[in-house]
Amino acid sequence: MRYVTSIEQMGIEKGLQQGNIQQGQIDIIEVLEVRFGDVPDTITQQIQTIQDPAMLKTLHRQAIAIESLTAFEQAIALVQHGGNN
């Protein structure tokens, strides 16, 4: 087995983290599409700017239960400004 340097390991971990973030963004958008149909580009773009896994997890849970896209857009604003968890 080949030795992996600490720099390579950091690159691997960063790649895995980025993949998890992207998958979290995709999952949120998919839930919203299943529940509400077309998701406006403004919401999709807001979701795609979020890089915090904890925020994405919170928004994923909210996407499952929230009553409307308008309410979800408000939830994004709250989460981004630290008003919800």
PDB file of N, CA and C in Angstrom:
ATOM      1  N   MET A   1       0.844  -1.182   0.000  1.00  0.00           N
ATOM      2  CA  MET A   1       0.000   0.000   0.000  1.00  0.00           C
ATOM      3  C   MET A   1       0.887   1.243   0.000  1.00  0.00           C
ATOM      4  N   ARG A   2       0.541   2.198  -0.820  1.00  0.00           N
ATOM      5  CA  ARG A   2       1.314   3.419  -0.962  1.00  0.00           C
ATOM      6  C   ARG A   2       1.104   4.338   0.230  1.00  0.00           C
ATOM      7  N   TYR A   3       2.179   4.979   0.666  1.00  0.00           N
ATOM      8  CA  TYR A   3       2.118   5.954   1.754  1.00  0.00           C
ATOM      9  C   TYR A   3       1.409   7.223   1.279  1.00  0.00           C
ATOM     10  N   VAL A   4       0.501   7.737   2.088  1.00  0.00           N
ATOM     11  CA  VAL A   4      -0.212   8.972   1.771  1.00  0.00           C
ATOM     12  C   VAL A   4       0.341  10.063   2.672  1.00  0.00           C
ATOM     13  N   THR A   5       0.876  11.111   2.061  1.00  0.00           N
ATOM     14  CA  THR A   5       1.430  12.210   2.847  1.00  0.00           C
ATOM     15  C   THR A   5       0.318  12.984   3.542  1.00  0.00           C
ATOM     16  N   SER A   6       0.714  13.767   4.527  1.00  0.00           N
ATOM     17  CA  SER A   6      -0.290  14.558   5.249  1.00  0.00           C
ATOM     18  C   SER A   6      -0.951  15.576   4.324  1.00  0.00           C
ATOM     19  N   ILE A   7      -0.215  16.095   3.370  1.00  0.00           N
ATOM     20  CA  ILE A   7      -0.798  17.043   2.411  1.00  0.00           C
ATOM     21  C   ILE A   7      -1.824  16.334   1.524  1.00  0.00           C
ATOM     22  N   GLU A   8      -1.493  15.132   1.084  1.00  0.00           N
ATOM     23  CA  GLU A   8      -2.450  14.359   0.278  1.00  0.00           C
ATOM     24  C   GLU A   8      -3.684  14.022   1.097  1.00  0.00           C
ATOM     25  N   GLN A   9      -3.478  13.655   2.369  1.00  0.00           N
ATOM     26  CA  GLN A   9      -4.608  13.326   3.244  1.00  0.00           C
ATOM     27  C   GLN A   9      -5.520  14.530   3.430  1.00  0.00           C
ATOM     28  N   MET A  10      -4.923  15.715   3.595  1.00  0.00           N
ATOM     29  CA  MET A  10      -5.727  16.936   3.741  1.00  0.00           C
ATOM     30  C   MET A  10      -6.526  17.191   2.467  1.00  0.00           C
ATOM     31  N   GLY A  11      -5.920  16.942   1.311  1.00  0.00           N
ATOM     32  CA  GLY A  11      -6.624  17.116   0.041  1.00  0.00           C
ATOM     33  C   GLY A  11      -7.776  16.148  -0.097  1.00  0.00           C
ATOM     34  N   ILE A  12      -7.550  14.902   0.321  1.00  0.00           N
ATOM     35  CA  ILE A  12      -8.611  13.889   0.272  1.00  0.00           C
ATOM     36  C   ILE A  12      -9.771  14.305   1.175  1.00  0.00           C
ATOM     37  N   GLU A  13      -9.441  14.729   2.393  1.00  0.00           N
ATOM     38  CA  GLU A  13     -10.483  15.131   3.349  1.00  0.00           C
ATOM     39  C   GLU A  13     -11.260  16.341   2.847  1.00  0.00           C
ATOM     40  N   LYS A  14     -10.540  17.300   2.259  1.00  0.00           N
ATOM     41  CA  LYS A  14     -11.216  18.488   1.721  1.00  0.00           C
ATOM     42  C   LYS A  14     -12.152  18.098   0.572  1.00  0.00           C
ATOM     43  N   GLY A  15     -11.697  17.182  -0.285  1.00  0.00           N
ATOM     44  CA  GLY A  15     -12.530  16.712  -1.388  1.00  0.00           C
ATOM     45  C   GLY A  15     -13.780  16.003  -0.890  1.00  0.00           C
ATOM     46  N   LEU A  16     -13.619  15.170   0.140  1.00  0.00           N
ATOM     47  CA  LEU A  16     -14.771  14.473   0.717  1.00  0.00           C
ATOM     48  C   LEU A  16     -15.750  15.458   1.344  1.00  0.00           C
ATOM     49  N   GLN A  17     -15.210  16.444   2.046  1.00  0.00           N
ATOM     50  CA  GLN A  17     -16.079  17.450   2.669  1.00  0.00           C
ATOM     51  C   GLN A  17     -16.851  18.229   1.603  1.00  0.00           C
ATOM     52  N   GLN A  18     -16.168  18.619   0.534  1.00  0.00           N
ATOM     53  CA  GLN A  18     -16.835  19.365  -0.536  1.00  0.00           C
ATOM     54  C   GLN A  18     -17.916  18.510  -1.193  1.00  0.00           C
ATOM     55  N   GLY A  19     -17.625  17.224  -1.367  1.00  0.00           N
ATOM     56  CA  GLY A  19     -18.622  16.311  -1.931  1.00  0.00           C
ATOM     57  C   GLY A  19     -19.841  16.197  -1.037  1.00  0.00           C
ATOM     58  N   ASN A  20     -19.619  16.138   0.279  1.00  0.00           N
ATOM     59  CA  ASN A  20     -20.735  16.068   1.227  1.00  0.00           C
ATOM     60  C   ASN A  20     -21.571  17.340   1.186  1.00  0.00           C
ATOM     61  N   ILE A  21     -20.915  18.481   1.065  1.00  0.00           N
ATOM     62  CA  ILE A  21     -21.632  19.758   0.981  1.00  0.00           C
ATOM     63  C   ILE A  21     -22.475  19.799  -0.288  1.00  0.00           C
ATOM     64  N   GLN A  22     -21.880  19.437  -1.404  1.00  0.00           N
ATOM     65  CA  GLN A  22     -22.624  19.440  -2.668  1.00  0.00           C
ATOM     66  C   GLN A  22     -23.805  18.475  -2.610  1.00  0.00           C
ATOM     67  N   GLN A  23     -23.611  17.311  -2.003  1.00  0.00           N
ATOM     68  CA  GLN A  23     -24.710  16.358  -1.904  1.00  0.00           C
ATOM     69  C   GLN A  23     -25.814  16.903  -1.006  1.00  0.00           C
ATOM     70  N   GLY A  24     -25.440  17.597   0.062  1.00  0.00           N
ATOM     71  CA  GLY A  24     -26.438  18.219   0.933  1.00  0.00           C
ATOM     72  C   GLY A  24     -27.262  19.250   0.193  1.00  0.00           C
ATOM     73  N   GLN A  25     -26.601  20.052  -0.644  1.00  0.00           N
ATOM     74  CA  GLN A  25     -27.311  21.051  -1.448  1.00  0.00           C
ATOM     75  C   GLN A  25     -28.273  20.372  -2.422  1.00  0.00           C
ATOM     76  N   ILE A  26     -27.805  19.333  -3.080  1.00  0.00           N
ATOM     77  CA  ILE A  26     -28.637  18.590  -4.035  1.00  0.00           C
ATOM     78  C   ILE A  26     -29.842  17.986  -3.335  1.00  0.00           C
ATOM     79  N   ASP A  27     -29.617  17.415  -2.151  1.00  0.00           N
ATOM     80  CA  ASP A  27     -30.709  16.779  -1.402  1.00  0.00           C
ATOM     81  C   ASP A  27     -31.802  17.775  -1.038  1.00  0.00           C
ATOM     82  N   ILE A  28     -31.412  18.958  -0.604  1.00  0.00           N
ATOM     83  CA  ILE A  28     -32.400  19.987  -0.241  1.00  0.00           C
ATOM     84  C   ILE A  28     -33.227  20.373  -1.459  1.00  0.00           C
ATOM     85  N   ILE A  29     -32.564  20.636  -2.556  1.00  0.00           N
ATOM     86  CA  ILE A  29     -33.273  21.031  -3.777  1.00  0.00           C
ATOM     87  C   ILE A  29     -34.209  19.920  -4.234  1.00  0.00           C
ATOM     88  N   GLU A  30     -33.760  18.676  -4.130  1.00  0.00           N
ATOM     89  CA  GLU A  30     -34.602  17.553  -4.543  1.00  0.00           C
ATOM     90  C   GLU A  30     -35.854  17.438  -3.674  1.00  0.00           C
ATOM     91  N   VAL A  31     -35.709  17.610  -2.375  1.00  0.00           N
ATOM     92  CA  VAL A  31     -36.876  17.563  -1.486  1.00  0.00           C
ATOM     93  C   VAL A  31     -37.867  18.665  -1.866  1.00  0.00           C
ATOM     94  N   LEU A  32     -37.347  19.859  -2.101  1.00  0.00           N
ATOM     95  CA  LEU A  32     -38.227  20.974  -2.474  1.00  0.00           C
ATOM     96  C   LEU A  32     -38.934  20.710  -3.804  1.00  0.00           C
ATOM     97  N   GLU A  33     -38.218  20.122  -4.769  1.00  0.00           N
ATOM     98  CA  GLU A  33     -38.836  19.801  -6.065  1.00  0.00           C
ATOM     99  C   GLU A  33     -39.937  18.754  -5.910  1.00  0.00           C
ATOM    100  N   VAL A  34     -39.698  17.756  -5.105  1.00  0.00           N
ATOM    101  CA  VAL A  34     -40.712  16.712  -4.890  1.00  0.00           C
ATOM    102  C   VAL A  34     -41.945  17.316  -4.219  1.00  0.00           C
ATOM    103  N   ARG A  35     -41.727  18.195  -3.265  1.00  0.00           N
ATOM    104  CA  ARG A  35     -42.847  18.754  -2.514  1.00  0.00           C
ATOM    105  C   ARG A  35     -43.579  19.866  -3.251  1.00  0.00           C
ATOM    106  N   PHE A  36     -42.832  20.722  -3.978  1.00  0.00           N
ATOM    107  CA  PHE A  36     -43.445  21.941  -4.519  1.00  0.00           C
ATOM    108  C   PHE A  36     -43.323  22.101  -6.034  1.00  0.00           C
ATOM    109  N   GLY A  37     -42.685  21.167  -6.714  1.00  0.00           N
ATOM    110  CA  GLY A  37     -42.488  21.318  -8.161  1.00  0.00           C
ATOM    111  C   GLY A  37     -41.242  22.137  -8.445  1.00  0.00           C
ATOM    112  N   ASP A  38     -41.337  23.001  -9.442  1.00  0.00           N
ATOM    113  CA  ASP A  38     -40.184  23.817  -9.817  1.00  0.00           C
ATOM    114  C   ASP A  38     -39.741  24.704  -8.655  1.00  0.00           C
ATOM    115  N   VAL A  39     -38.427  24.719  -8.439  1.00  0.00           N
ATOM    116  CA  VAL A  39     -37.847  25.569  -7.395  1.00  0.00           C
ATOM    117  C   VAL A  39     -37.238  26.791  -8.090  1.00  0.00           C
ATOM    118  N   PRO A  40     -37.609  27.988  -7.662  1.00  0.00           N
ATOM    119  CA  PRO A  40     -37.065  29.191  -8.296  1.00  0.00           C
ATOM    120  C   PRO A  40     -35.534  29.224  -8.234  1.00  0.00           C
ATOM    121  N   ASP A  41     -34.939  29.785  -9.283  1.00  0.00           N
ATOM    122  CA  ASP A  41     -33.476  29.898  -9.338  1.00  0.00           C
ATOM    123  C   ASP A  41     -32.918  30.657  -8.138  1.00  0.00           C
ATOM    124  N   THR A  42     -33.666  31.621  -7.644  1.00  0.00           N
ATOM    125  CA  THR A  42     -33.165  32.400  -6.498  1.00  0.00           C
ATOM    126  C   THR A  42     -32.945  31.503  -5.285  1.00  0.00           C
ATOM    127  N   ILE A  43     -33.855  30.571  -5.046  1.00  0.00           N
ATOM    128  CA  ILE A  43     -33.710  29.654  -3.916  1.00  0.00           C
ATOM    129  C   ILE A  43     -32.570  28.679  -4.180  1.00  0.00           C
ATOM    130  N   THR A  44     -32.517  28.136  -5.396  1.00  0.00           N
ATOM    131  CA  THR A  44     -31.443  27.207  -5.750  1.00  0.00           C
ATOM    132  C   THR A  44     -30.084  27.867  -5.558  1.00  0.00           C
ATOM    133  N   GLN A  45     -29.947  29.100  -6.013  1.00  0.00           N
ATOM    134  CA  GLN A  45     -28.676  29.816  -5.882  1.00  0.00           C
ATOM    135  C   GLN A  45     -28.328  30.076  -4.423  1.00  0.00           C
ATOM    136  N   GLN A  46     -29.321  30.405  -3.616  1.00  0.00           N
ATOM    137  CA  GLN A  46     -29.066  30.620  -2.188  1.00  0.00           C
ATOM    138  C   GLN A  46     -28.556  29.331  -1.545  1.00  0.00           C
ATOM    139  N   ILE A  47     -29.178  28.221  -1.866  1.00  0.00           N
ATOM    140  CA  ILE A  47     -28.764  26.936  -1.311  1.00  0.00           C
ATOM    141  C   ILE A  47     -27.340  26.615  -1.743  1.00  0.00           C
ATOM    142  N   GLN A  48     -27.019  26.874  -2.990  1.00  0.00           N
ATOM    143  CA  GLN A  48     -25.697  26.533  -3.516  1.00  0.00           C
ATOM    144  C   GLN A  48     -24.579  27.393  -2.939  1.00  0.00           C
ATOM    145  N   THR A  49     -24.904  28.504  -2.298  1.00  0.00           N
ATOM    146  CA  THR A  49     -23.869  29.324  -1.666  1.00  0.00           C
ATOM    147  C   THR A  49     -23.547  28.858  -0.253  1.00  0.00           C
ATOM    148  N   ILE A  50     -24.386  28.021   0.317  1.00  0.00           N
ATOM    149  CA  ILE A  50     -24.184  27.574   1.696  1.00  0.00           C
ATOM    150  C   ILE A  50     -23.133  26.464   1.723  1.00  0.00           C
ATOM    151  N   GLN A  51     -22.089  26.680   2.512  1.00  0.00           N
ATOM    152  CA  GLN A  51     -20.977  25.745   2.603  1.00  0.00           C
ATOM    153  C   GLN A  51     -20.863  25.097   3.984  1.00  0.00           C
ATOM    154  N   ASP A  52     -21.761  25.432   4.879  1.00  0.00           N
ATOM    155  CA  ASP A  52     -21.731  24.910   6.246  1.00  0.00           C
ATOM    156  C   ASP A  52     -22.605  23.662   6.341  1.00  0.00           C
ATOM    157  N   PRO A  53     -22.004  22.494   6.629  1.00  0.00           N
ATOM    158  CA  PRO A  53     -22.788  21.253   6.716  1.00  0.00           C
ATOM    159  C   PRO A  53     -23.913  21.316   7.745  1.00  0.00           C
ATOM    160  N   ALA A  54     -23.691  21.989   8.861  1.00  0.00           N
ATOM    161  CA  ALA A  54     -24.737  22.087   9.887  1.00  0.00           C
ATOM    162  C   ALA A  54     -25.936  22.892   9.377  1.00  0.00           C
ATOM    163  N   MET A  55     -25.662  23.972   8.644  1.00  0.00           N
ATOM    164  CA  MET A  55     -26.755  24.765   8.059  1.00  0.00           C
ATOM    165  C   MET A  55     -27.524  23.942   7.038  1.00  0.00           C
ATOM    166  N   LEU A  56     -26.789  23.192   6.228  1.00  0.00           N
ATOM    167  CA  LEU A  56     -27.448  22.362   5.214  1.00  0.00           C
ATOM    168  C   LEU A  56     -28.321  21.301   5.866  1.00  0.00           C
ATOM    169  N   LYS A  57     -27.849  20.713   6.953  1.00  0.00           N
ATOM    170  CA  LYS A  57     -28.647  19.706   7.656  1.00  0.00           C
ATOM    171  C   LYS A  57     -29.933  20.327   8.204  1.00  0.00           C
ATOM    172  N   THR A  58     -29.810  21.506   8.781  1.00  0.00           N
ATOM    173  CA  THR A  58     -30.989  22.206   9.308  1.00  0.00           C
ATOM    174  C   THR A  58     -31.984  22.506   8.192  1.00  0.00           C
ATOM    175  N   LEU A  59     -31.472  23.014   7.072  1.00  0.00           N
ATOM    176  CA  LEU A  59     -32.360  23.347   5.952  1.00  0.00           C
ATOM    177  C   LEU A  59     -32.980  22.102   5.326  1.00  0.00           C
ATOM    178  N   HIS A  60     -32.249  21.006   5.301  1.00  0.00           N
ATOM    179  CA  HIS A  60     -32.809  19.760   4.762  1.00  0.00           C
ATOM    180  C   HIS A  60     -34.008  19.321   5.593  1.00  0.00           C
ATOM    181  N   ARG A  61     -33.861  19.369   6.894  1.00  0.00           N
ATOM    182  CA  ARG A  61     -34.978  18.999   7.781  1.00  0.00           C
ATOM    183  C   ARG A  61     -36.165  19.945   7.599  1.00  0.00           C
ATOM    184  N   GLN A  62     -35.873  21.228   7.435  1.00  0.00           N
ATOM    185  CA  GLN A  62     -36.954  22.186   7.235  1.00  0.00           C
ATOM    186  C   GLN A  62     -37.634  21.976   5.888  1.00  0.00           C
ATOM    187  N   ALA A  63     -36.859  21.635   4.867  1.00  0.00           N
ATOM    188  CA  ALA A  63     -37.434  21.402   3.538  1.00  0.00           C
ATOM    189  C   ALA A  63     -38.449  20.264   3.580  1.00  0.00           C
ATOM    190  N   ILE A  64     -38.219  19.299   4.432  1.00  0.00           N
ATOM    191  CA  ILE A  64     -39.120  18.150   4.546  1.00  0.00           C
ATOM    192  C   ILE A  64     -40.473  18.558   5.128  1.00  0.00           C
ATOM    193  N   ALA A  65     -40.466  19.508   6.055  1.00  0.00           N
ATOM    194  CA  ALA A  65     -41.694  19.808   6.796  1.00  0.00           C
ATOM    195  C   ALA A  65     -42.315  21.179   6.519  1.00  0.00           C
ATOM    196  N   ILE A  66     -41.605  22.056   5.861  1.00  0.00           N
ATOM    197  CA  ILE A  66     -42.072  23.442   5.715  1.00  0.00           C
ATOM    198  C   ILE A  66     -43.317  23.521   4.821  1.00  0.00           C
ATOM    199  N   GLU A  67     -44.123  24.536   5.029  1.00  0.00           N
ATOM    200  CA  GLU A  67     -45.419  24.614   4.343  1.00  0.00           C
ATOM    201  C   GLU A  67     -45.370  25.230   2.949  1.00  0.00           C
ATOM    202  N   SER A  68     -44.316  25.996   2.635  1.00  0.00           N
ATOM    203  CA  SER A  68     -44.278  26.636   1.313  1.00  0.00           C
ATOM    204  C   SER A  68     -42.841  27.030   0.948  1.00  0.00           C
ATOM    205  N   LEU A  69     -42.641  27.327  -0.340  1.00  0.00           N
ATOM    206  CA  LEU A  69     -41.338  27.815  -0.777  1.00  0.00           C
ATOM    207  C   LEU A  69     -41.035  29.185  -0.192  1.00  0.00           C
ATOM    208  N   THR A  70     -42.060  29.998  -0.028  1.00  0.00           N
ATOM    209  CA  THR A  70     -41.873  31.319   0.577  1.00  0.00           C
ATOM    210  C   THR A  70     -41.364  31.175   2.008  1.00  0.00           C
ATOM    211  N   ALA A  71     -41.972  30.270   2.748  1.00  0.00           N
ATOM    212  CA  ALA A  71     -41.524  30.027   4.120  1.00  0.00           C
ATOM    213  C   ALA A  71     -40.107  29.456   4.136  1.00  0.00           C
ATOM    214  N   PHE A  72     -39.778  28.629   3.152  1.00  0.00           N
ATOM    215  CA  PHE A  72     -38.430  28.074   3.086  1.00  0.00           C
ATOM    216  C   PHE A  72     -37.408  29.169   2.801  1.00  0.00           C
ATOM    217  N   GLU A  73     -37.756  30.087   1.938  1.00  0.00           N
ATOM    218  CA  GLU A  73     -36.856  31.203   1.641  1.00  0.00           C
ATOM    219  C   GLU A  73     -36.594  32.026   2.906  1.00  0.00           C
ATOM    220  N   GLN A  74     -37.608  32.200   3.718  1.00  0.00           N
ATOM    221  CA  GLN A  74     -37.436  32.891   4.996  1.00  0.00           C
ATOM    222  C   GLN A  74     -36.560  32.071   5.941  1.00  0.00           C
ATOM    223  N   ALA A  75     -36.713  30.753   5.901  1.00  0.00           N
ATOM    224  CA  ALA A  75     -35.892  29.872   6.737  1.00  0.00           C
ATOM    225  C   ALA A  75     -34.419  29.970   6.351  1.00  0.00           C
ATOM    226  N   ILE A  76     -34.143  30.081   5.054  1.00  0.00           N
ATOM    227  CA  ILE A  76     -32.755  30.249   4.599  1.00  0.00           C
ATOM    228  C   ILE A  76     -32.163  31.511   5.224  1.00  0.00           C
ATOM    229  N   ALA A  77     -32.913  32.593   5.177  1.00  0.00           N
ATOM    230  CA  ALA A  77     -32.428  33.860   5.732  1.00  0.00           C
ATOM    231  C   ALA A  77     -32.153  33.718   7.231  1.00  0.00           C
ATOM    232  N   LEU A  78     -33.046  33.048   7.945  1.00  0.00           N
ATOM    233  CA  LEU A  78     -32.854  32.859   9.385  1.00  0.00           C
ATOM    234  C   LEU A  78     -31.609  32.025   9.676  1.00  0.00           C
ATOM    235  N   VAL A  79     -31.444  30.940   8.963  1.00  0.00           N
ATOM    236  CA  VAL A  79     -30.302  30.057   9.190  1.00  0.00           C
ATOM    237  C   VAL A  79     -28.991  30.776   8.852  1.00  0.00           C
ATOM    238  N   GLN A  80     -28.980  31.515   7.774  1.00  0.00           N
ATOM    239  CA  GLN A  80     -27.762  32.226   7.369  1.00  0.00           C
ATOM    240  C   GLN A  80     -27.381  33.322   8.366  1.00  0.00           C
ATOM    241  N   HIS A  81     -28.350  33.814   9.077  1.00  0.00           N
ATOM    242  CA  HIS A  81     -28.066  34.881  10.050  1.00  0.00           C
ATOM    243  C   HIS A  81     -28.052  34.364  11.488  1.00  0.00           C
ATOM    244  N   GLY A  82     -27.956  33.044  11.629  1.00  0.00           N
ATOM    245  CA  GLY A  82     -27.804  32.447  12.953  1.00  0.00           C
ATOM    246  C   GLY A  82     -29.052  32.452  13.803  1.00  0.00           C
ATOM    247  N   GLY A  83     -30.201  32.596  13.196  1.00  0.00           N
ATOM    248  CA  GLY A  83     -31.430  32.680  13.977  1.00  0.00           C
ATOM    249  C   GLY A  83     -32.150  31.369  14.178  1.00  0.00           C
ATOM    250  N   ASN A  84     -31.568  30.247  13.686  1.00  0.00           N
ATOM    251  CA  ASN A  84     -32.274  28.983  13.806  1.00  0.00           C
ATOM    252  C   ASN A  84     -31.294  27.846  13.868  1.00  0.00           C
ATOM    253  N   ASN A  85     -31.726  26.754  14.515  1.00  0.00           N
ATOM    254  CA  ASN A  85     -30.923  25.536  14.535  1.00  0.00           C
ATOM    255  C   ASN A  85     -31.755  24.333  14.766  1.00  0.00           C
TER     256      ASN A  85
END
